Amino acid sequence: MPKPTLMPGHVDEKAATAENRRGQIGASLETVVPGRRRRFCAAEKLRILQAAELAEASGERGAIGALLRREGIYAAQLSAWRKQFREHGNSGLEPQKPGRKPTWSDDQRALMAANKRIATLEKELALASALIELQKKAHELLKIALPRLDEACS
């Protein structure tokens, strides 16, 4: 049986919505939810690195490739983790905040430099204080009299 034809100027609502649902090829469109990016914590990265070292040490052909397929990671990712671990240790494996590094103003840079200098001086002061205490104990043990401050100034 032939389809009924519409009179010019009339719009079939059902046909219009069905046409909107279809793409240019005529197939219905599916919406696919984009996958979430996997995130590895430092412990997982360290576990995978240790497994890679064991696979490499075994000398078995294709062991690292099998590990990469099993874990679902790329060789470049493994080499980047190795580099981070080699340069920074366990702290290098910690997840980092994505995006550009923040830009600091001149005042903020000066403040950070001053705080760094203060921390260095505090460490030096603690070391000097410990050395002075050690010298005092050595003088007590050897029974050598320490000079007094008022005698040293005159």
Protein backbone atom coordinates (compact mmCIF):
# COMPACT_ATOMS: atom_id res chain seq x y z
CA MET A 1 0.00 0.00 0.00
CA PRO A 2 1.50 3.39 -0.94
CA LYS A 3 2.36 5.97 1.72
CA PRO A 4 0.01 8.89 1.97
CA THR A 5 1.49 12.15 0.67
CA LEU A 6 1.21 15.39 2.57
CA MET A 7 -0.25 18.48 1.08
CA PRO A 8 2.29 21.26 0.46
CA GLY A 9 2.83 23.44 3.53
CA HIS A 10 1.86 20.73 6.01
CA VAL A 11 4.55 19.09 8.17
CA ASP A 12 4.35 15.60 9.60
CA GLU A 13 5.63 15.98 13.18
CA LYS A 14 6.56 12.31 13.59
CA ALA A 15 8.56 12.27 10.37
CA ALA A 16 10.33 15.54 11.26
CA THR A 17 11.46 14.31 14.68
CA ALA A 18 12.60 10.98 13.21
CA GLU A 19 14.58 12.85 10.55
CA ASN A 20 16.21 15.01 13.22
CA ARG A 21 17.26 11.88 15.11
CA ARG A 22 19.02 10.48 12.09
CA GLY A 23 22.36 11.70 10.83
CA GLN A 24 23.13 12.66 7.25
CA ILE A 25 23.65 9.01 6.31
CA GLY A 26 20.24 8.05 7.60
CA ALA A 27 21.46 5.93 10.51
CA SER A 28 20.28 6.70 14.00
CA LEU A 29 22.85 8.48 16.13
CA GLU A 30 24.17 6.87 19.28
CA THR A 31 25.58 8.91 22.05
CA VAL A 32 28.64 7.33 23.61
CA VAL A 33 29.72 8.56 27.00
CA PRO A 34 33.41 9.44 26.81
CA GLY A 35 35.57 7.20 28.98
CA ARG A 36 37.16 8.57 32.08
CA ARG A 37 40.92 8.91 32.14
CA ARG A 38 42.53 6.40 34.44
CA ARG A 39 44.46 7.78 37.36
CA PHE A 40 47.13 5.80 39.12
CA CYS A 41 48.10 6.47 42.71
CA ALA A 42 51.77 6.36 43.71
CA ALA A 43 51.40 2.87 45.20
CA GLU A 44 49.98 1.49 41.92
CA LYS A 45 52.74 3.11 39.90
CA LEU A 46 55.38 1.69 42.24
CA ARG A 47 53.80 -1.78 42.03
CA ILE A 48 53.82 -1.67 38.23
CA LEU A 49 57.43 -0.42 38.20
CA GLN A 50 58.50 -3.28 40.47
CA ALA A 51 56.62 -5.78 38.29
CA ALA A 52 58.39 -4.34 35.22
CA GLU A 53 61.76 -4.75 36.92
CA LEU A 54 60.93 -8.38 37.73
CA ALA A 55 59.76 -8.99 34.16
CA GLU A 56 62.95 -7.45 32.82
CA ALA A 57 65.12 -9.47 35.20
CA SER A 58 63.39 -12.73 34.21
CA GLY A 59 64.83 -12.41 30.71
CA GLU A 60 61.64 -13.90 29.27
CA ARG A 61 60.87 -12.58 25.81
CA GLY A 62 57.77 -10.37 25.72
CA ALA A 63 57.36 -10.27 29.52
CA ILE A 64 57.22 -6.48 29.67
CA GLY A 65 54.80 -6.32 26.74
CA ALA A 66 52.53 -8.79 28.51
CA LEU A 67 52.71 -6.68 31.67
CA LEU A 68 51.81 -3.53 29.72
CA ARG A 69 48.82 -5.23 28.09
CA ARG A 70 47.66 -6.68 31.41
CA GLU A 71 47.85 -3.28 33.14
CA GLY A 72 46.46 -1.40 30.13
CA ILE A 73 49.28 1.14 29.89
CA TYR A 74 51.69 2.20 27.15
CA ALA A 75 55.45 1.78 27.14
CA ALA A 76 55.88 5.57 27.08
CA GLN A 77 53.88 5.83 30.29
CA LEU A 78 56.08 3.21 31.95
CA SER A 79 59.26 4.98 30.85
CA ALA A 80 57.91 8.32 32.12
CA TRP A 81 57.19 6.73 35.52
CA ARG A 82 60.69 5.24 35.57
CA LYS A 83 62.19 8.66 34.88
CA GLN A 84 60.05 10.33 37.58
CA PHE A 85 61.02 7.64 40.08
CA ARG A 86 64.72 7.91 39.17
CA GLU A 87 64.75 11.71 39.52
CA HIS A 88 62.46 12.26 42.52
CA GLY A 89 61.93 8.89 44.23
CA ASN A 90 58.49 8.01 45.57
CA SER A 91 57.40 11.66 45.65
CA GLY A 92 57.89 11.82 41.87
CA LEU A 93 55.18 9.19 41.42
CA GLU A 94 52.53 11.25 43.22
CA PRO A 95 49.75 12.50 40.90
CA GLN A 96 50.31 16.07 39.85
CA LYS A 97 47.81 18.81 39.27
CA PRO A 98 47.08 19.11 35.55
CA GLY A 99 47.64 22.31 33.65
CA ARG A 100 50.25 24.99 33.50
CA LYS A 101 52.38 25.90 36.44
CA PRO A 102 51.17 29.06 38.18
CA THR A 103 52.93 32.28 37.31
CA TRP A 104 54.27 34.11 40.31
CA SER A 105 54.48 37.87 40.69
CA ASP A 106 57.76 39.54 41.60
CA ASP A 107 56.60 40.01 45.21
CA GLN A 108 55.69 36.34 45.53
CA ARG A 109 59.04 35.25 44.05
CA ALA A 110 60.90 37.53 46.47
CA LEU A 111 58.88 36.18 49.40
CA MET A 112 59.59 32.56 48.40
CA ALA A 113 63.31 33.34 48.04
CA ALA A 114 63.34 35.00 51.47
CA ASN A 115 61.55 32.02 53.04
CA LYS A 116 64.04 29.65 51.44
CA ARG A 117 66.96 31.74 52.76
CA ILE A 118 65.40 31.79 56.25
CA ALA A 119 65.05 27.99 56.21
CA THR A 120 68.70 27.61 55.17
CA LEU A 121 69.87 29.97 57.92
CA GLU A 122 67.76 28.13 60.52
CA LYS A 123 69.43 24.85 59.54
CA GLU A 124 72.88 26.46 59.80
CA LEU A 125 71.97 27.92 63.19
CA ALA A 126 70.83 24.52 64.48
CA LEU A 127 74.10 22.97 63.30
CA ALA A 128 76.18 25.75 64.89
CA SER A 129 74.27 25.41 68.18
CA ALA A 130 74.87 21.66 68.19
CA LEU A 131 78.59 22.21 67.57
CA ILE A 132 78.80 24.73 70.42
CA GLU A 133 77.09 22.26 72.77
CA LEU A 134 79.55 19.58 71.66
CA GLN A 135 82.49 21.89 72.38
CA LYS A 136 81.11 22.62 75.86
CA LYS A 137 80.84 18.89 76.60
CA ALA A 138 84.38 18.33 75.32
CA HIS A 139 85.70 21.08 77.62
CA GLU A 140 83.87 19.50 80.57
CA LEU A 141 85.24 16.04 79.82
CA LEU A 142 88.80 17.30 79.36
CA LYS A 143 88.41 19.62 82.34
CA ILE A 144 89.54 22.66 80.39
CA ALA A 145 88.19 25.95 81.65
CA LEU A 146 86.22 27.92 79.11
CA PRO A 147 87.08 31.60 78.80
CA ARG A 148 84.45 33.96 80.14
CA LEU A 149 82.84 36.49 77.88
CA ASP A 150 83.87 39.49 80.04
CA GLU A 151 87.53 38.29 80.07
CA ALA A 152 87.57 37.76 76.30
CA CYS A 153 86.35 41.32 75.58
CA SER A 154 89.04 43.11 77.64
